[in-house]
Amino acid sequence: KDLPDGCVKDDFELKARAKTRRVKKMVAALEGHKLDVVKANRIKFDVPVADLEPGFHDVKLSAKRERGSKLKTTVTFQRC
């Protein structure tokens, strides 16, 4: 949610929500570095764009459910 249109030059806020409420933990990572970890089915964090090289980058989101299964998705944005 709230992914900027086109290429981005500045940091931006990203919000995500797992469609199930039975989530133990959500993790957001960029370039292999964790951006945020929450113990809920919603996560909100700032994506640090300023230090990235121009090009396409992925924010990886994962949610671990109470019974151990995981939900994963990737959000791609372009750095100008």
Protein backbone atom coordinates (compact mmCIF):
# COMPACT_ATOMS: atom_id res chain seq x y z
CA LYS A 1 0.00 0.00 0.00
CA ASP A 2 1.15 3.56 -0.67
CA LEU A 3 3.97 2.59 -3.06
CA PRO A 4 5.06 5.75 -4.93
CA ASP A 5 4.34 5.97 -8.67
CA GLY A 6 7.33 6.11 -11.00
CA CYS A 7 10.89 6.30 -9.75
CA VAL A 8 11.68 7.65 -6.29
CA LYS A 9 14.43 9.96 -5.08
CA ASP A 10 13.58 10.24 -1.39
CA ASP A 11 12.74 7.92 1.49
CA PHE A 12 9.09 6.86 1.61
CA GLU A 13 6.73 5.12 4.01
CA LEU A 14 5.36 1.70 3.14
CA LYS A 15 2.43 -0.07 4.81
CA ALA A 16 1.56 -3.75 4.51
CA ARG A 17 -1.09 -5.99 6.03
CA ALA A 18 -1.36 -9.77 6.04
CA LYS A 19 -4.86 -10.88 5.04
CA THR A 20 -4.97 -13.26 8.00
CA ARG A 21 -5.02 -12.11 11.62
CA ARG A 22 -3.21 -15.18 12.93
CA VAL A 23 0.27 -13.76 12.40
CA LYS A 24 3.03 -14.10 14.99
CA LYS A 25 5.57 -11.88 13.26
CA MET A 26 6.06 -9.75 10.14
CA VAL A 27 9.48 -8.83 8.74
CA ALA A 28 10.41 -6.27 6.08
CA ALA A 29 13.88 -6.37 4.47
CA LEU A 30 15.69 -4.35 1.80
CA GLU A 31 18.93 -5.54 0.18
CA GLY A 32 19.25 -8.22 2.87
CA HIS A 33 18.92 -5.77 5.78
CA LYS A 34 15.89 -5.85 8.08
CA LEU A 35 13.90 -2.63 8.03
CA ASP A 36 11.34 -3.59 10.67
CA VAL A 37 9.99 -6.54 12.64
CA VAL A 38 6.57 -6.49 14.33
CA LYS A 39 4.48 -9.00 16.23
CA ALA A 40 1.24 -8.19 14.41
CA ASN A 41 -0.48 -8.62 11.04
CA ARG A 42 0.28 -5.01 10.02
CA ILE A 43 3.61 -3.30 9.46
CA LYS A 44 4.53 0.33 8.67
CA PHE A 45 8.11 1.47 8.01
CA ASP A 46 10.28 3.96 6.13
CA VAL A 47 12.17 2.69 3.08
CA PRO A 48 15.65 4.30 3.09
CA VAL A 49 16.19 5.24 -0.56
CA ALA A 50 18.82 7.99 -0.31
CA ASP A 51 21.84 5.64 -0.09
CA LEU A 52 20.73 3.23 -2.85
CA GLU A 53 22.17 3.15 -6.35
CA PRO A 54 19.80 4.07 -9.21
CA GLY A 55 17.85 1.08 -10.51
CA PHE A 56 15.24 -1.40 -9.32
CA HIS A 57 15.18 -2.61 -5.72
CA ASP A 58 13.04 -5.13 -3.83
CA VAL A 59 11.48 -4.87 -0.39
CA LYS A 60 10.80 -8.40 0.81
CA LEU A 61 7.91 -8.92 3.21
CA SER A 62 7.24 -12.10 5.15
CA ALA A 63 4.65 -13.01 7.75
CA LYS A 64 4.99 -16.04 10.02
CA ARG A 65 1.64 -17.51 11.01
CA GLU A 66 0.85 -19.00 14.42
CA ARG A 67 1.01 -22.56 13.08
CA GLY A 68 4.42 -22.05 11.49
CA SER A 69 3.58 -21.44 7.82
CA LYS A 70 4.92 -18.32 6.12
CA LEU A 71 3.44 -15.81 3.72
CA LYS A 72 5.92 -13.97 1.47
CA THR A 73 5.72 -11.21 -1.10
CA THR A 74 8.04 -8.72 -2.77
CA VAL A 75 7.46 -5.06 -3.58
CA THR A 76 9.67 -3.57 -6.30
CA PHE A 77 10.43 0.14 -6.70
CA GLN A 78 12.78 2.14 -8.92
CA ARG A 79 15.40 4.51 -7.52
CA CYS A 80 16.14 7.49 -9.83
